[in-house]
Amino acid sequence: MKNNTTNRRTWLQQSGALALLISARRDRLVSPGNSRRMAAKIHAHGGVAEERTYGGVGHLTLIGAFAPGLRVLAPVMRDVTQFVWRVTRRQASHARTP
């Protein structure tokens, strides 16, 4: 089995990689800079990466904001849903083009 570094590198090198990178502005566990660096690598390999940074939440509350009762903390569910719709429409339109 490949290690995580190898898996990540392989995924990044695939043309057309798609990612929505979300982070908390003041995350104490994972630096928002990680998302910026990952987005730059994805773009460098011809992929699409969108970044969203949310204020007023931390690492755990950002994850918790997916839950119905905590969605008022950050619009992560809305942003993820919109991203999925955008990229799936884009892929569907490319699939139909001869």
C-alpha atoms as a PDB file:
ATOM      1  CA  MET A   1       0.000   0.000   0.000  1.00  0.00           C
ATOM      2  CA  LYS A   2       1.284   3.466  -0.899  1.00  0.00           C
ATOM      3  CA  ASN A   3       1.905   5.994   1.816  1.00  0.00           C
ATOM      4  CA  ASN A   4      -0.151   9.193   2.099  1.00  0.00           C
ATOM      5  CA  THR A   5       2.560  11.364   0.530  1.00  0.00           C
ATOM      6  CA  THR A   6       2.657   9.171  -2.568  1.00  0.00           C
ATOM      7  CA  ASN A   7      -1.146   9.080  -2.819  1.00  0.00           C
ATOM      8  CA  ARG A   8      -1.358  12.863  -2.530  1.00  0.00           C
ATOM      9  CA  ARG A   9       1.359  13.370  -5.149  1.00  0.00           C
ATOM     10  CA  THR A  10      -0.352  10.983  -7.572  1.00  0.00           C
ATOM     11  CA  TRP A  11      -3.695  12.738  -7.114  1.00  0.00           C
ATOM     12  CA  LEU A  12      -2.132  16.170  -7.616  1.00  0.00           C
ATOM     13  CA  GLN A  13      -0.434  15.111 -10.832  1.00  0.00           C
ATOM     14  CA  GLN A  14      -3.690  13.979 -12.398  1.00  0.00           C
ATOM     15  CA  SER A  15      -4.862  16.541 -14.884  1.00  0.00           C
ATOM     16  CA  GLY A  16      -8.211  17.977 -13.905  1.00  0.00           C
ATOM     17  CA  ALA A  17      -8.068  17.354 -10.152  1.00  0.00           C
ATOM     18  CA  LEU A  18     -10.960  19.154  -8.418  1.00  0.00           C
ATOM     19  CA  ALA A  19     -10.894  20.384  -4.826  1.00  0.00           C
ATOM     20  CA  LEU A  20     -12.711  22.697  -2.474  1.00  0.00           C
ATOM     21  CA  LEU A  21     -10.327  23.543   0.346  1.00  0.00           C
ATOM     22  CA  ILE A  22     -12.014  24.914   3.436  1.00  0.00           C
ATOM     23  CA  SER A  23     -10.261  26.231   6.509  1.00  0.00           C
ATOM     24  CA  ALA A  24     -10.853  28.249   9.631  1.00  0.00           C
ATOM     25  CA  ARG A  25      -9.028  31.573   9.616  1.00  0.00           C
ATOM     26  CA  ARG A  26      -7.618  30.965  13.102  1.00  0.00           C
ATOM     27  CA  ASP A  27      -7.286  27.195  13.005  1.00  0.00           C
ATOM     28  CA  ARG A  28      -4.899  26.030  15.733  1.00  0.00           C
ATOM     29  CA  LEU A  29      -4.611  22.462  14.409  1.00  0.00           C
ATOM     30  CA  VAL A  30      -4.093  22.970  10.670  1.00  0.00           C
ATOM     31  CA  SER A  31      -2.710  26.188   9.239  1.00  0.00           C
ATOM     32  CA  PRO A  32      -4.870  27.850   6.563  1.00  0.00           C
ATOM     33  CA  GLY A  33      -1.574  28.203   4.693  1.00  0.00           C
ATOM     34  CA  ASN A  34      -1.790  24.466   3.978  1.00  0.00           C
ATOM     35  CA  SER A  35      -4.897  25.110   1.869  1.00  0.00           C
ATOM     36  CA  ARG A  36      -3.187  27.909  -0.033  1.00  0.00           C
ATOM     37  CA  ARG A  37      -0.157  25.730  -0.797  1.00  0.00           C
ATOM     38  CA  MET A  38      -2.327  22.784  -1.818  1.00  0.00           C
ATOM     39  CA  ALA A  39      -4.405  25.021  -4.116  1.00  0.00           C
ATOM     40  CA  ALA A  40      -1.235  26.332  -5.770  1.00  0.00           C
ATOM     41  CA  LYS A  41      -0.042  22.768  -6.416  1.00  0.00           C
ATOM     42  CA  ILE A  42      -3.398  21.749  -7.861  1.00  0.00           C
ATOM     43  CA  HIS A  43      -3.431  24.796 -10.151  1.00  0.00           C
ATOM     44  CA  ALA A  44       0.168  24.077 -11.226  1.00  0.00           C
ATOM     45  CA  HIS A  45      -0.933  20.624 -12.402  1.00  0.00           C
ATOM     46  CA  GLY A  46      -3.921  21.974 -14.356  1.00  0.00           C
ATOM     47  CA  GLY A  47      -6.557  21.235 -11.745  1.00  0.00           C
ATOM     48  CA  VAL A  48      -9.288  23.352 -10.212  1.00  0.00           C
ATOM     49  CA  ALA A  49      -9.027  24.362  -6.578  1.00  0.00           C
ATOM     50  CA  GLU A  50     -11.289  26.756  -4.760  1.00  0.00           C
ATOM     51  CA  GLU A  51     -10.443  28.007  -1.294  1.00  0.00           C
ATOM     52  CA  ARG A  52     -12.832  29.135   1.408  1.00  0.00           C
ATOM     53  CA  THR A  53     -11.649  30.552   4.722  1.00  0.00           C
ATOM     54  CA  TYR A  54     -14.161  31.141   7.497  1.00  0.00           C
ATOM     55  CA  GLY A  55     -13.869  33.495  10.437  1.00  0.00           C
ATOM     56  CA  GLY A  56     -15.485  32.982  13.802  1.00  0.00           C
ATOM     57  CA  VAL A  57     -14.896  29.213  13.837  1.00  0.00           C
ATOM     58  CA  GLY A  58     -12.033  26.890  14.689  1.00  0.00           C
ATOM     59  CA  HIS A  59     -11.056  23.513  13.307  1.00  0.00           C
ATOM     60  CA  LEU A  60     -13.714  21.530  15.171  1.00  0.00           C
ATOM     61  CA  THR A  61     -16.522  24.071  14.896  1.00  0.00           C
ATOM     62  CA  LEU A  62     -15.860  24.327  11.156  1.00  0.00           C
ATOM     63  CA  ILE A  63     -16.466  20.588  10.865  1.00  0.00           C
ATOM     64  CA  GLY A  64     -19.445  20.880  13.201  1.00  0.00           C
ATOM     65  CA  ALA A  65     -20.958  23.554  10.932  1.00  0.00           C
ATOM     66  CA  PHE A  66     -22.042  20.746   8.582  1.00  0.00           C
ATOM     67  CA  ALA A  67     -24.586  19.664  11.202  1.00  0.00           C
ATOM     68  CA  PRO A  68     -28.071  21.180  10.812  1.00  0.00           C
ATOM     69  CA  GLY A  69     -28.076  22.768  14.262  1.00  0.00           C
ATOM     70  CA  LEU A  70     -24.656  24.390  13.789  1.00  0.00           C
ATOM     71  CA  ARG A  71     -24.920  25.679  10.217  1.00  0.00           C
ATOM     72  CA  VAL A  72     -25.308  29.216  11.545  1.00  0.00           C
ATOM     73  CA  LEU A  73     -21.598  29.122  12.494  1.00  0.00           C
ATOM     74  CA  ALA A  74     -20.306  29.079   8.905  1.00  0.00           C
ATOM     75  CA  PRO A  75     -21.868  28.469   5.477  1.00  0.00           C
ATOM     76  CA  VAL A  76     -19.767  25.369   4.755  1.00  0.00           C
ATOM     77  CA  MET A  77     -22.690  23.158   3.715  1.00  0.00           C
ATOM     78  CA  ARG A  78     -23.909  25.780   1.260  1.00  0.00           C
ATOM     79  CA  ASP A  79     -20.410  26.307  -0.167  1.00  0.00           C
ATOM     80  CA  VAL A  80     -19.736  22.571  -0.543  1.00  0.00           C
ATOM     81  CA  THR A  81     -23.124  22.034  -2.206  1.00  0.00           C
ATOM     82  CA  GLN A  82     -22.536  24.899  -4.635  1.00  0.00           C
ATOM     83  CA  PHE A  83     -19.045  23.620  -5.468  1.00  0.00           C
ATOM     84  CA  VAL A  84     -20.344  20.115  -6.170  1.00  0.00           C
ATOM     85  CA  TRP A  85     -23.084  21.488  -8.434  1.00  0.00           C
ATOM     86  CA  ARG A  86     -20.606  23.689 -10.334  1.00  0.00           C
ATOM     87  CA  VAL A  87     -18.048  20.970 -10.976  1.00  0.00           C
ATOM     88  CA  THR A  88     -20.570  18.268 -11.843  1.00  0.00           C
ATOM     89  CA  ARG A  89     -22.313  20.584 -14.327  1.00  0.00           C
ATOM     90  CA  ARG A  90     -18.927  21.448 -15.824  1.00  0.00           C
ATOM     91  CA  GLN A  91     -18.034  17.757 -16.169  1.00  0.00           C
ATOM     92  CA  ALA A  92     -21.451  16.925 -17.630  1.00  0.00           C
ATOM     93  CA  SER A  93     -21.139  19.693 -20.237  1.00  0.00           C
ATOM     94  CA  HIS A  94     -17.645  18.471 -21.214  1.00  0.00           C
ATOM     95  CA  ALA A  95     -18.941  14.910 -21.529  1.00  0.00           C
ATOM     96  CA  ARG A  96     -21.625  16.041 -23.983  1.00  0.00           C
ATOM     97  CA  THR A  97     -19.223  18.023 -26.163  1.00  0.00           C
ATOM     98  CA  PRO A  98     -18.104  15.956 -29.175  1.00  0.00           C
END
